[in-house]
Amino acid sequence: MTIREIAAVLEAEIVQNSFDDVQISSAYTSDLLSDVITHAKNGGALITIQAHRNTVAVATLVNSRVIIICNNRPLPEDMLAAAYNENIAILRTTENQFTVSGKLYAILEKQ
């Protein structure tokens, strides 16, 4: 499933819109960025409430092409600029991490 398809299914806002619409086949949910570095799969989506520049740096380390920010958290400009520079999509949703994780799991498991 592509990033734009994920955004549509989750009814998430695409906040950082300059990215390659690549296929995503896995995801990892965590608000502890060191945990993401250790356990996230290469190329998967990152689901979190951590809305800051360091989240983009961690996504880059694990080759995540999309960060899904939950709970409608505000997004600082330096985070959006970093995501733009790294070609990483940022989606934002009003839903919490549990709900987003469950929805995305159900979608990706069908593929």
PDB file of N, CA and C in Angstrom:
ATOM      1  N   MET A   1       0.842  -1.163   0.000  1.00  0.00           N
ATOM      2  CA  MET A   1       0.000   0.000   0.000  1.00  0.00           C
ATOM      3  C   MET A   1       0.895   1.236   0.000  1.00  0.00           C
ATOM      4  N   THR A   2       0.537   2.232  -0.805  1.00  0.00           N
ATOM      5  CA  THR A   2       1.352   3.437  -0.881  1.00  0.00           C
ATOM      6  C   THR A   2       1.044   4.379   0.284  1.00  0.00           C
ATOM      7  N   ILE A   3       1.899   5.346   0.475  1.00  0.00           N
ATOM      8  CA  ILE A   3       1.717   6.327   1.544  1.00  0.00           C
ATOM      9  C   ILE A   3       0.400   7.082   1.362  1.00  0.00           C
ATOM     10  N   ARG A   4       0.106   7.509   0.151  1.00  0.00           N
ATOM     11  CA  ARG A   4      -1.138   8.253  -0.103  1.00  0.00           C
ATOM     12  C   ARG A   4      -2.367   7.367   0.124  1.00  0.00           C
ATOM     13  N   GLU A   5      -2.272   6.096  -0.199  1.00  0.00           N
ATOM     14  CA  GLU A   5      -3.374   5.172   0.087  1.00  0.00           C
ATOM     15  C   GLU A   5      -3.569   5.014   1.591  1.00  0.00           C
ATOM     16  N   ILE A   6      -2.480   4.923   2.327  1.00  0.00           N
ATOM     17  CA  ILE A   6      -2.552   4.837   3.786  1.00  0.00           C
ATOM     18  C   ILE A   6      -3.219   6.081   4.349  1.00  0.00           C
ATOM     19  N   ALA A   7      -2.816   7.251   3.873  1.00  0.00           N
ATOM     20  CA  ALA A   7      -3.414   8.505   4.337  1.00  0.00           C
ATOM     21  C   ALA A   7      -4.918   8.519   4.091  1.00  0.00           C
ATOM     22  N   ALA A   8      -5.327   8.044   2.923  1.00  0.00           N
ATOM     23  CA  ALA A   8      -6.752   8.033   2.588  1.00  0.00           C
ATOM     24  C   ALA A   8      -7.526   7.085   3.496  1.00  0.00           C
ATOM     25  N   VAL A   9      -7.006   5.885   3.700  1.00  0.00           N
ATOM     26  CA  VAL A   9      -7.698   4.902   4.537  1.00  0.00           C
ATOM     27  C   VAL A   9      -7.784   5.376   5.986  1.00  0.00           C
ATOM     28  N   LEU A  10      -6.711   5.988   6.483  1.00  0.00           N
ATOM     29  CA  LEU A  10      -6.701   6.473   7.860  1.00  0.00           C
ATOM     30  C   LEU A  10      -7.414   7.812   8.011  1.00  0.00           C
ATOM     31  N   GLU A  11      -7.785   8.414   6.879  1.00  0.00           N
ATOM     32  CA  GLU A  11      -8.355   9.763   6.869  1.00  0.00           C
ATOM     33  C   GLU A  11      -7.423  10.726   7.583  1.00  0.00           C
ATOM     34  N   ALA A  12      -6.140  10.588   7.292  1.00  0.00           N
ATOM     35  CA  ALA A  12      -5.101  11.410   7.902  1.00  0.00           C
ATOM     36  C   ALA A  12      -4.754  12.579   6.987  1.00  0.00           C
ATOM     37  N   GLU A  13      -4.387  13.668   7.606  1.00  0.00           N
ATOM     38  CA  GLU A  13      -3.941  14.854   6.878  1.00  0.00           C
ATOM     39  C   GLU A  13      -2.504  14.633   6.409  1.00  0.00           C
ATOM     40  N   ILE A  14      -2.224  14.932   5.152  1.00  0.00           N
ATOM     41  CA  ILE A  14      -0.848  14.884   4.655  1.00  0.00           C
ATOM     42  C   ILE A  14      -0.249  16.267   4.904  1.00  0.00           C
ATOM     43  N   VAL A  15       0.624  16.353   5.876  1.00  0.00           N
ATOM     44  CA  VAL A  15       1.166  17.646   6.292  1.00  0.00           C
ATOM     45  C   VAL A  15       2.436  17.976   5.522  1.00  0.00           C
ATOM     46  N   GLN A  16       3.305  17.003   5.347  1.00  0.00           N
ATOM     47  CA  GLN A  16       4.523  17.187   4.537  1.00  0.00           C
ATOM     48  C   GLN A  16       4.284  16.407   3.263  1.00  0.00           C
ATOM     49  N   ASN A  17       4.061  17.147   2.178  1.00  0.00           N
ATOM     50  CA  ASN A  17       3.522  16.585   0.943  1.00  0.00           C
ATOM     51  C   ASN A  17       4.569  16.335  -0.136  1.00  0.00           C
ATOM     52  N   SER A  18       5.825  16.561   0.152  1.00  0.00           N
ATOM     53  CA  SER A  18       6.872  16.366  -0.854  1.00  0.00           C
ATOM     54  C   SER A  18       7.623  15.072  -0.537  1.00  0.00           C
ATOM     55  N   PHE A  19       7.192  13.972  -1.192  1.00  0.00           N
ATOM     56  CA  PHE A  19       7.790  12.667  -0.923  1.00  0.00           C
ATOM     57  C   PHE A  19       7.504  11.739  -2.084  1.00  0.00           C
ATOM     58  N   ASP A  20       8.265  10.667  -2.172  1.00  0.00           N
ATOM     59  CA  ASP A  20       7.988   9.607  -3.139  1.00  0.00           C
ATOM     60  C   ASP A  20       6.913   8.721  -2.543  1.00  0.00           C
ATOM     61  N   ASP A  21       5.869   8.454  -3.309  1.00  0.00           N
ATOM     62  CA  ASP A  21       4.740   7.677  -2.821  1.00  0.00           C
ATOM     63  C   ASP A  21       5.045   6.184  -2.917  1.00  0.00           C
ATOM     64  N   VAL A  22       5.921   5.732  -2.035  1.00  0.00           N
ATOM     65  CA  VAL A  22       6.426   4.364  -2.074  1.00  0.00           C
ATOM     66  C   VAL A  22       5.478   3.400  -1.376  1.00  0.00           C
ATOM     67  N   GLN A  23       5.688   2.121  -1.617  1.00  0.00           N
ATOM     68  CA  GLN A  23       4.927   1.059  -0.958  1.00  0.00           C
ATOM     69  C   GLN A  23       5.397   0.906   0.488  1.00  0.00           C
ATOM     70  N   ILE A  24       4.448   0.758   1.390  1.00  0.00           N
ATOM     71  CA  ILE A  24       4.728   0.519   2.806  1.00  0.00           C
ATOM     72  C   ILE A  24       4.121  -0.835   3.164  1.00  0.00           C
ATOM     73  N   SER A  25       4.910  -1.701   3.774  1.00  0.00           N
ATOM     74  CA  SER A  25       4.401  -3.039   4.096  1.00  0.00           C
ATOM     75  C   SER A  25       4.479  -3.370   5.584  1.00  0.00           C
ATOM     76  N   SER A  26       4.983  -2.440   6.386  1.00  0.00           N
ATOM     77  CA  SER A  26       5.064  -2.683   7.822  1.00  0.00           C
ATOM     78  C   SER A  26       4.983  -1.341   8.554  1.00  0.00           C
ATOM     79  N   ALA A  27       4.866  -1.428   9.856  1.00  0.00           N
ATOM     80  CA  ALA A  27       4.822  -0.217  10.683  1.00  0.00           C
ATOM     81  C   ALA A  27       5.356  -0.547  12.063  1.00  0.00           C
ATOM     82  N   TYR A  28       5.751   0.497  12.778  1.00  0.00           N
ATOM     83  CA  TYR A  28       6.195   0.337  14.160  1.00  0.00           C
ATOM     84  C   TYR A  28       5.624   1.493  14.960  1.00  0.00           C
ATOM     85  N   THR A  29       5.100   1.195  16.137  1.00  0.00           N
ATOM     86  CA  THR A  29       4.507   2.210  17.004  1.00  0.00           C
ATOM     87  C   THR A  29       5.331   2.329  18.266  1.00  0.00           C
ATOM     88  N   SER A  30       5.818   3.529  18.510  1.00  0.00           N
ATOM     89  CA  SER A  30       6.545   3.788  19.749  1.00  0.00           C
ATOM     90  C   SER A  30       6.730   5.286  19.917  1.00  0.00           C
ATOM     91  N   ASP A  31       6.753   5.714  21.173  1.00  0.00           N
ATOM     92  CA  ASP A  31       7.064   7.104  21.483  1.00  0.00           C
ATOM     93  C   ASP A  31       8.463   7.237  22.072  1.00  0.00           C
ATOM     94  N   LEU A  32       9.152   6.123  22.186  1.00  0.00           N
ATOM     95  CA  LEU A  32      10.521   6.110  22.673  1.00  0.00           C
ATOM     96  C   LEU A  32      11.427   5.917  21.459  1.00  0.00           C
ATOM     97  N   LEU A  33      12.110   6.965  21.050  1.00  0.00           N
ATOM     98  CA  LEU A  33      12.845   6.925  19.794  1.00  0.00           C
ATOM     99  C   LEU A  33      13.985   5.913  19.796  1.00  0.00           C
ATOM    100  N   SER A  34      14.599   5.666  20.945  1.00  0.00           N
ATOM    101  CA  SER A  34      15.644   4.631  20.994  1.00  0.00           C
ATOM    102  C   SER A  34      15.041   3.253  20.724  1.00  0.00           C
ATOM    103  N   ASP A  35      13.818   3.045  21.136  1.00  0.00           N
ATOM    104  CA  ASP A  35      13.111   1.797  20.851  1.00  0.00           C
ATOM    105  C   ASP A  35      12.872   1.656  19.353  1.00  0.00           C
ATOM    106  N   VAL A  36      12.510   2.742  18.698  1.00  0.00           N
ATOM    107  CA  VAL A  36      12.308   2.731  17.246  1.00  0.00           C
ATOM    108  C   VAL A  36      13.606   2.345  16.541  1.00  0.00           C
ATOM    109  N   ILE A  37      14.712   2.938  16.955  1.00  0.00           N
ATOM    110  CA  ILE A  37      16.011   2.638  16.342  1.00  0.00           C
ATOM    111  C   ILE A  37      16.329   1.154  16.471  1.00  0.00           C
ATOM    112  N   THR A  38      16.028   0.570  17.603  1.00  0.00           N
ATOM    113  CA  THR A  38      16.361  -0.822  17.871  1.00  0.00           C
ATOM    114  C   THR A  38      15.438  -1.818  17.182  1.00  0.00           C
ATOM    115  N   HIS A  39      14.139  -1.494  17.069  1.00  0.00           N
ATOM    116  CA  HIS A  39      13.178  -2.508  16.664  1.00  0.00           C
ATOM    117  C   HIS A  39      12.406  -2.262  15.372  1.00  0.00           C
ATOM    118  N   ALA A  40      12.371  -1.050  14.871  1.00  0.00           N
ATOM    119  CA  ALA A  40      11.574  -0.781  13.665  1.00  0.00           C
ATOM    120  C   ALA A  40      12.181  -1.474  12.453  1.00  0.00           C
ATOM    121  N   LYS A  41      11.299  -1.969  11.569  1.00  0.00           N
ATOM    122  CA  LYS A  41      11.756  -2.608  10.347  1.00  0.00           C
ATOM    123  C   LYS A  41      12.127  -1.559   9.305  1.00  0.00           C
ATOM    124  N   ASN A  42      13.108  -1.888   8.516  1.00  0.00           N
ATOM    125  CA  ASN A  42      13.560  -1.018   7.453  1.00  0.00           C
ATOM    126  C   ASN A  42      12.410  -0.678   6.507  1.00  0.00           C
ATOM    127  N   GLY A  43      12.158   0.599   6.316  1.00  0.00           N
ATOM    128  CA  GLY A  43      11.175   1.037   5.334  1.00  0.00           C
ATOM    129  C   GLY A  43       9.737   1.075   5.791  1.00  0.00           C
ATOM    130  N   GLY A  44       9.463   0.773   7.042  1.00  0.00           N
ATOM    131  CA  GLY A  44       8.088   0.776   7.530  1.00  0.00           C
ATOM    132  C   GLY A  44       7.626   2.161   7.951  1.00  0.00           C
ATOM    133  N   ALA A  45       6.345   2.272   8.238  1.00  0.00           N
ATOM    134  CA  ALA A  45       5.777   3.513   8.761  1.00  0.00           C
ATOM    135  C   ALA A  45       6.119   3.627  10.245  1.00  0.00           C
ATOM    136  N   LEU A  46       6.271   4.852  10.718  1.00  0.00           N
ATOM    137  CA  LEU A  46       6.505   5.118  12.132  1.00  0.00           C
ATOM    138  C   LEU A  46       5.270   5.817  12.687  1.00  0.00           C
ATOM    139  N   ILE A  47       4.650   5.225  13.702  1.00  0.00           N
ATOM    140  CA  ILE A  47       3.453   5.768  14.339  1.00  0.00           C
ATOM    141  C   ILE A  47       3.857   6.262  15.725  1.00  0.00           C
ATOM    142  N   THR A  48       3.598   7.550  16.011  1.00  0.00           N
ATOM    143  CA  THR A  48       4.083   8.142  17.249  1.00  0.00           C
ATOM    144  C   THR A  48       3.339   9.434  17.571  1.00  0.00           C
ATOM    145  N   ILE A  49       3.577   9.961  18.782  1.00  0.00           N
ATOM    146  CA  ILE A  49       3.137  11.317  19.111  1.00  0.00           C
ATOM    147  C   ILE A  49       4.341  12.260  19.203  1.00  0.00           C
ATOM    148  N   GLN A  50       5.525  11.736  18.987  1.00  0.00           N
ATOM    149  CA  GLN A  50       6.744  12.533  19.092  1.00  0.00           C
ATOM    150  C   GLN A  50       6.884  13.461  17.875  1.00  0.00           C
ATOM    151  N   ALA A  51       6.421  14.680  18.039  1.00  0.00           N
ATOM    152  CA  ALA A  51       6.404  15.643  16.935  1.00  0.00           C
ATOM    153  C   ALA A  51       7.547  16.642  17.105  1.00  0.00           C
ATOM    154  N   HIS A  52       8.739  16.216  16.689  1.00  0.00           N
ATOM    155  CA  HIS A  52       9.891  17.116  16.710  1.00  0.00           C
ATOM    156  C   HIS A  52      10.936  16.625  15.715  1.00  0.00           C
ATOM    157  N   ARG A  53      11.928  17.434  15.525  1.00  0.00           N
ATOM    158  CA  ARG A  53      12.951  17.174  14.505  1.00  0.00           C
ATOM    159  C   ARG A  53      13.673  15.837  14.708  1.00  0.00           C
ATOM    160  N   ASN A  54      13.894  15.452  15.956  1.00  0.00           N
ATOM    161  CA  ASN A  54      14.597  14.195  16.222  1.00  0.00           C
ATOM    162  C   ASN A  54      13.830  12.985  15.697  1.00  0.00           C
ATOM    163  N   THR A  55      12.518  13.081  15.625  1.00  0.00           N
ATOM    164  CA  THR A  55      11.718  11.994  15.078  1.00  0.00           C
ATOM    165  C   THR A  55      12.077  11.765  13.618  1.00  0.00           C
ATOM    166  N   VAL A  56      12.311  12.836  12.890  1.00  0.00           N
ATOM    167  CA  VAL A  56      12.713  12.729  11.485  1.00  0.00           C
ATOM    168  C   VAL A  56      14.092  12.084  11.388  1.00  0.00           C
ATOM    169  N   ALA A  57      14.999  12.468  12.278  1.00  0.00           N
ATOM    170  CA  ALA A  57      16.340  11.874  12.269  1.00  0.00           C
ATOM    171  C   ALA A  57      16.269  10.369  12.509  1.00  0.00           C
ATOM    172  N   VAL A  58      15.436   9.949  13.442  1.00  0.00           N
ATOM    173  CA  VAL A  58      15.273   8.526  13.722  1.00  0.00           C
ATOM    174  C   VAL A  58      14.622   7.821  12.536  1.00  0.00           C
ATOM    175  N   ALA A  59      13.618   8.431  11.940  1.00  0.00           N
ATOM    176  CA  ALA A  59      12.983   7.841  10.761  1.00  0.00           C
ATOM    177  C   ALA A  59      14.003   7.643   9.643  1.00  0.00           C
ATOM    178  N   THR A  60      14.892   8.583   9.498  1.00  0.00           N
ATOM    179  CA  THR A  60      15.946   8.466   8.487  1.00  0.00           C
ATOM    180  C   THR A  60      16.855   7.280   8.798  1.00  0.00           C
ATOM    181  N   LEU A  61      17.197   7.081  10.060  1.00  0.00           N
ATOM    182  CA  LEU A  61      18.065   5.968  10.462  1.00  0.00           C
ATOM    183  C   LEU A  61      17.458   4.611  10.137  1.00  0.00           C
ATOM    184  N   VAL A  62      16.150   4.488  10.294  1.00  0.00           N
ATOM    185  CA  VAL A  62      15.495   3.198  10.052  1.00  0.00           C
ATOM    186  C   VAL A  62      14.834   3.146   8.673  1.00  0.00           C
ATOM    187  N   ASN A  63      15.126   4.134   7.860  1.00  0.00           N
ATOM    188  CA  ASN A  63      14.617   4.218   6.487  1.00  0.00           C
ATOM    189  C   ASN A  63      13.089   4.224   6.427  1.00  0.00           C
ATOM    190  N   SER A  64      12.462   4.852   7.410  1.00  0.00           N
ATOM    191  CA  SER A  64      11.009   5.002   7.372  1.00  0.00           C
ATOM    192  C   SER A  64      10.677   6.123   6.407  1.00  0.00           C
ATOM    193  N   ARG A  65       9.748   5.880   5.509  1.00  0.00           N
ATOM    194  CA  ARG A  65       9.374   6.877   4.497  1.00  0.00           C
ATOM    195  C   ARG A  65       8.166   7.681   4.905  1.00  0.00           C
ATOM    196  N   VAL A  66       7.530   7.320   6.031  1.00  0.00           N
ATOM    197  CA  VAL A  66       6.354   8.057   6.504  1.00  0.00           C
ATOM    198  C   VAL A  66       6.292   8.025   8.030  1.00  0.00           C
ATOM    199  N   ILE A  67       6.011   9.193   8.589  1.00  0.00           N
ATOM    200  CA  ILE A  67       5.780   9.333  10.026  1.00  0.00           C
ATOM    201  C   ILE A  67       4.311   9.695  10.192  1.00  0.00           C
ATOM    202  N   ILE A  68       3.621   8.934  11.025  1.00  0.00           N
ATOM    203  CA  ILE A  68       2.218   9.219  11.301  1.00  0.00           C
ATOM    204  C   ILE A  68       2.129   9.766  12.726  1.00  0.00           C
ATOM    205  N   ILE A  69       1.784  11.041  12.824  1.00  0.00           N
ATOM    206  CA  ILE A  69       1.673  11.711  14.115  1.00  0.00           C
ATOM    207  C   ILE A  69       0.223  11.616  14.582  1.00  0.00           C
ATOM    208  N   CYS A  70       0.047  11.111  15.805  1.00  0.00           N
ATOM    209  CA  CYS A  70      -1.291  10.881  16.346  1.00  0.00           C
ATOM    210  C   CYS A  70      -1.710  12.002  17.301  1.00  0.00           C
ATOM    211  N   ASN A  71      -2.986  11.950  17.683  1.00  0.00           N
ATOM    212  CA  ASN A  71      -3.570  12.891  18.647  1.00  0.00           C
ATOM    213  C   ASN A  71      -3.535  14.342  18.178  1.00  0.00           C
ATOM    214  N   ASN A  72      -3.456  14.533  16.872  1.00  0.00           N
ATOM    215  CA  ASN A  72      -3.494  15.871  16.284  1.00  0.00           C
ATOM    216  C   ASN A  72      -2.462  16.827  16.894  1.00  0.00           C
ATOM    217  N   ARG A  73      -1.285  16.281  17.179  1.00  0.00           N
ATOM    218  CA  ARG A  73      -0.221  17.084  17.796  1.00  0.00           C
ATOM    219  C   ARG A  73       0.221  18.198  16.866  1.00  0.00           C
ATOM    220  N   PRO A  74       0.565  19.355  17.409  1.00  0.00           N
ATOM    221  CA  PRO A  74       1.111  20.423  16.566  1.00  0.00           C
ATOM    222  C   PRO A  74       2.484  20.015  16.043  1.00  0.00           C
ATOM    223  N   LEU A  75       2.791  20.460  14.833  1.00  0.00           N
ATOM    224  CA  LEU A  75       4.050  20.087  14.189  1.00  0.00           C
ATOM    225  C   LEU A  75       4.926  21.315  14.008  1.00  0.00           C
ATOM    226  N   PRO A  76       6.110  21.315  14.616  1.00  0.00           N
ATOM    227  CA  PRO A  76       6.986  22.466  14.486  1.00  0.00           C
ATOM    228  C   PRO A  76       7.569  22.582  13.071  1.00  0.00           C
ATOM    229  N   GLU A  77       7.843  23.787  12.673  1.00  0.00           N
ATOM    230  CA  GLU A  77       8.363  24.045  11.330  1.00  0.00           C
ATOM    231  C   GLU A  77       9.697  23.340  11.082  1.00  0.00           C
ATOM    232  N   ASP A  78      10.566  23.246  12.103  1.00  0.00           N
ATOM    233  CA  ASP A  78      11.856  22.593  11.871  1.00  0.00           C
ATOM    234  C   ASP A  78      11.681  21.095  11.607  1.00  0.00           C
ATOM    235  N   MET A  79      10.642  20.489  12.166  1.00  0.00           N
ATOM    236  CA  MET A  79      10.352  19.083  11.874  1.00  0.00           C
ATOM    237  C   MET A  79       9.900  18.935  10.421  1.00  0.00           C
ATOM    238  N   LEU A  80       9.007  19.804   9.995  1.00  0.00           N
ATOM    239  CA  LEU A  80       8.514  19.744   8.621  1.00  0.00           C
ATOM    240  C   LEU A  80       9.637  20.009   7.622  1.00  0.00           C
ATOM    241  N   ALA A  81      10.518  20.948   7.947  1.00  0.00           N
ATOM    242  CA  ALA A  81      11.656  21.242   7.064  1.00  0.00           C
ATOM    243  C   ALA A  81      12.596  20.049   6.978  1.00  0.00           C
ATOM    244  N   ALA A  82      12.865  19.414   8.110  1.00  0.00           N
ATOM    245  CA  ALA A  82      13.737  18.233   8.110  1.00  0.00           C
ATOM    246  C   ALA A  82      13.111  17.101   7.298  1.00  0.00           C
ATOM    247  N   ALA A  83      11.815  16.884   7.445  1.00  0.00           N
ATOM    248  CA  ALA A  83      11.123  15.834   6.689  1.00  0.00           C
ATOM    249  C   ALA A  83      11.162  16.145   5.195  1.00  0.00           C
ATOM    250  N   TYR A  84      10.984  17.395   4.844  1.00  0.00           N
ATOM    251  CA  TYR A  84      11.069  17.811   3.434  1.00  0.00           C
ATOM    252  C   TYR A  84      12.461  17.492   2.884  1.00  0.00           C
ATOM    253  N   ASN A  85      13.486  17.851   3.631  1.00  0.00           N
ATOM    254  CA  ASN A  85      14.874  17.620   3.196  1.00  0.00           C
ATOM    255  C   ASN A  85      15.202  16.136   3.068  1.00  0.00           C
ATOM    256  N   GLU A  86      14.561  15.294   3.879  1.00  0.00           N
ATOM    257  CA  GLU A  86      14.817  13.850   3.864  1.00  0.00           C
ATOM    258  C   GLU A  86      13.816  13.090   2.992  1.00  0.00           C
ATOM    259  N   ASN A  87      12.862  13.809   2.388  1.00  0.00           N
ATOM    260  CA  ASN A  87      11.856  13.183   1.507  1.00  0.00           C
ATOM    261  C   ASN A  87      10.982  12.187   2.278  1.00  0.00           C
ATOM    262  N   ILE A  88      10.620  12.567   3.512  1.00  0.00           N
ATOM    263  CA  ILE A  88       9.793  11.730   4.377  1.00  0.00           C
ATOM    264  C   ILE A  88       8.417  12.371   4.499  1.00  0.00           C
ATOM    265  N   ALA A  89       7.379  11.590   4.243  1.00  0.00           N
ATOM    266  CA  ALA A  89       6.007  12.080   4.389  1.00  0.00           C
ATOM    267  C   ALA A  89       5.662  12.187   5.872  1.00  0.00           C
ATOM    268  N   ILE A  90       4.870  13.195   6.196  1.00  0.00           N
ATOM    269  CA  ILE A  90       4.324  13.301   7.543  1.00  0.00           C
ATOM    270  C   ILE A  90       2.811  13.374   7.420  1.00  0.00           C
ATOM    271  N   LEU A  91       2.160  12.414   8.082  1.00  0.00           N
ATOM    272  CA  LEU A  91       0.707  12.382   8.164  1.00  0.00           C
ATOM    273  C   LEU A  91       0.316  12.718   9.592  1.00  0.00           C
ATOM    274  N   ARG A  92      -0.846  13.349   9.732  1.00  0.00           N
ATOM    275  CA  ARG A  92      -1.336  13.655  11.084  1.00  0.00           C
ATOM    276  C   ARG A  92      -2.794  13.217  11.181  1.00  0.00           C
ATOM    277  N   THR A  93      -3.127  12.636  12.329  1.00  0.00           N
ATOM    278  CA  THR A  93      -4.478  12.157  12.573  1.00  0.00           C
ATOM    279  C   THR A  93      -4.931  12.563  13.966  1.00  0.00           C
ATOM    280  N   THR A  94      -6.234  12.651  14.145  1.00  0.00           N
ATOM    281  CA  THR A  94      -6.787  12.958  15.460  1.00  0.00           C
ATOM    282  C   THR A  94      -6.843  11.713  16.340  1.00  0.00           C
ATOM    283  N   GLU A  95      -6.684  10.547  15.746  1.00  0.00           N
ATOM    284  CA  GLU A  95      -6.794   9.301  16.496  1.00  0.00           C
ATOM    285  C   GLU A  95      -5.517   9.004  17.291  1.00  0.00           C
ATOM    286  N   ASN A  96      -5.648   8.129  18.290  1.00  0.00           N
ATOM    287  CA  ASN A  96      -4.485   7.774  19.111  1.00  0.00           C
ATOM    288  C   ASN A  96      -3.670   6.651  18.465  1.00  0.00           C
ATOM    289  N   GLN A  97      -2.537   6.350  19.058  1.00  0.00           N
ATOM    290  CA  GLN A  97      -1.620   5.362  18.491  1.00  0.00           C
ATOM    291  C   GLN A  97      -2.228   3.965  18.432  1.00  0.00           C
ATOM    292  N   PHE A  98      -3.002   3.602  19.440  1.00  0.00           N
ATOM    293  CA  PHE A  98      -3.623   2.281  19.472  1.00  0.00           C
ATOM    294  C   PHE A  98      -4.561   2.101  18.279  1.00  0.00           C
ATOM    295  N   THR A  99      -5.405   3.083  18.053  1.00  0.00           N
ATOM    296  CA  THR A  99      -6.380   3.009  16.969  1.00  0.00           C
ATOM    297  C   THR A  99      -5.690   2.998  15.612  1.00  0.00           C
ATOM    298  N   VAL A 100      -4.729   3.887  15.421  1.00  0.00           N
ATOM    299  CA  VAL A 100      -4.010   3.954  14.147  1.00  0.00           C
ATOM    300  C   VAL A 100      -3.240   2.660  13.900  1.00  0.00           C
ATOM    301  N   SER A 101      -2.595   2.142  14.926  1.00  0.00           N
ATOM    302  CA  SER A 101      -1.845   0.895  14.780  1.00  0.00           C
ATOM    303  C   SER A 101      -2.758  -0.251  14.376  1.00  0.00           C
ATOM    304  N   GLY A 102      -3.912  -0.348  15.022  1.00  0.00           N
ATOM    305  CA  GLY A 102      -4.856  -1.412  14.693  1.00  0.00           C
ATOM    306  C   GLY A 102      -5.369  -1.308  13.268  1.00  0.00           C
ATOM    307  N   LYS A 103      -5.724  -0.103  12.854  1.00  0.00           N
ATOM    308  CA  LYS A 103      -6.214   0.098  11.487  1.00  0.00           C
ATOM    309  C   LYS A 103      -5.132  -0.237  10.463  1.00  0.00           C
ATOM    310  N   LEU A 104      -3.923   0.248  10.710  1.00  0.00           N
ATOM    311  CA  LEU A 104      -2.848   0.006   9.749  1.00  0.00           C
ATOM    312  C   LEU A 104      -2.460  -1.467   9.718  1.00  0.00           C
ATOM    313  N   TYR A 105      -2.450  -2.119  10.856  1.00  0.00           N
ATOM    314  CA  TYR A 105      -2.178  -3.559  10.903  1.00  0.00           C
ATOM    315  C   TYR A 105      -3.189  -4.315  10.048  1.00  0.00           C
ATOM    316  N   ALA A 106      -4.460  -4.002  10.226  1.00  0.00           N
ATOM    317  CA  ALA A 106      -5.521  -4.695   9.476  1.00  0.00           C
ATOM    318  C   ALA A 106      -5.360  -4.480   7.975  1.00  0.00           C
ATOM    319  N   ILE A 107      -4.984  -3.297   7.594  1.00  0.00           N
ATOM    320  CA  ILE A 107      -4.803  -2.975   6.168  1.00  0.00           C
ATOM    321  C   ILE A 107      -3.599  -3.727   5.596  1.00  0.00           C
ATOM    322  N   LEU A 108      -2.471  -3.669   6.288  1.00  0.00           N
ATOM    323  CA  LEU A 108      -1.241  -4.240   5.761  1.00  0.00           C
ATOM    324  C   LEU A 108      -1.249  -5.770   5.787  1.00  0.00           C
ATOM    325  N   GLU A 109      -1.957  -6.366   6.725  1.00  0.00           N
ATOM    326  CA  GLU A 109      -2.025  -7.825   6.799  1.00  0.00           C
ATOM    327  C   GLU A 109      -2.798  -8.423   5.625  1.00  0.00           C
ATOM    328  N   LYS A 110      -3.658  -7.652   5.009  1.00  0.00           N
ATOM    329  CA  LYS A 110      -4.446  -8.140   3.865  1.00  0.00           C
ATOM    330  C   LYS A 110      -3.644  -8.190   2.590  1.00  0.00           C
ATOM    331  N   GLN A 111      -2.490  -7.567   2.582  1.00  0.00           N
ATOM    332  CA  GLN A 111      -1.689  -7.523   1.361  1.00  0.00           C
ATOM    333  C   GLN A 111      -0.890  -8.781   1.160  1.00  0.00           C
TER     334      GLN A 111
END
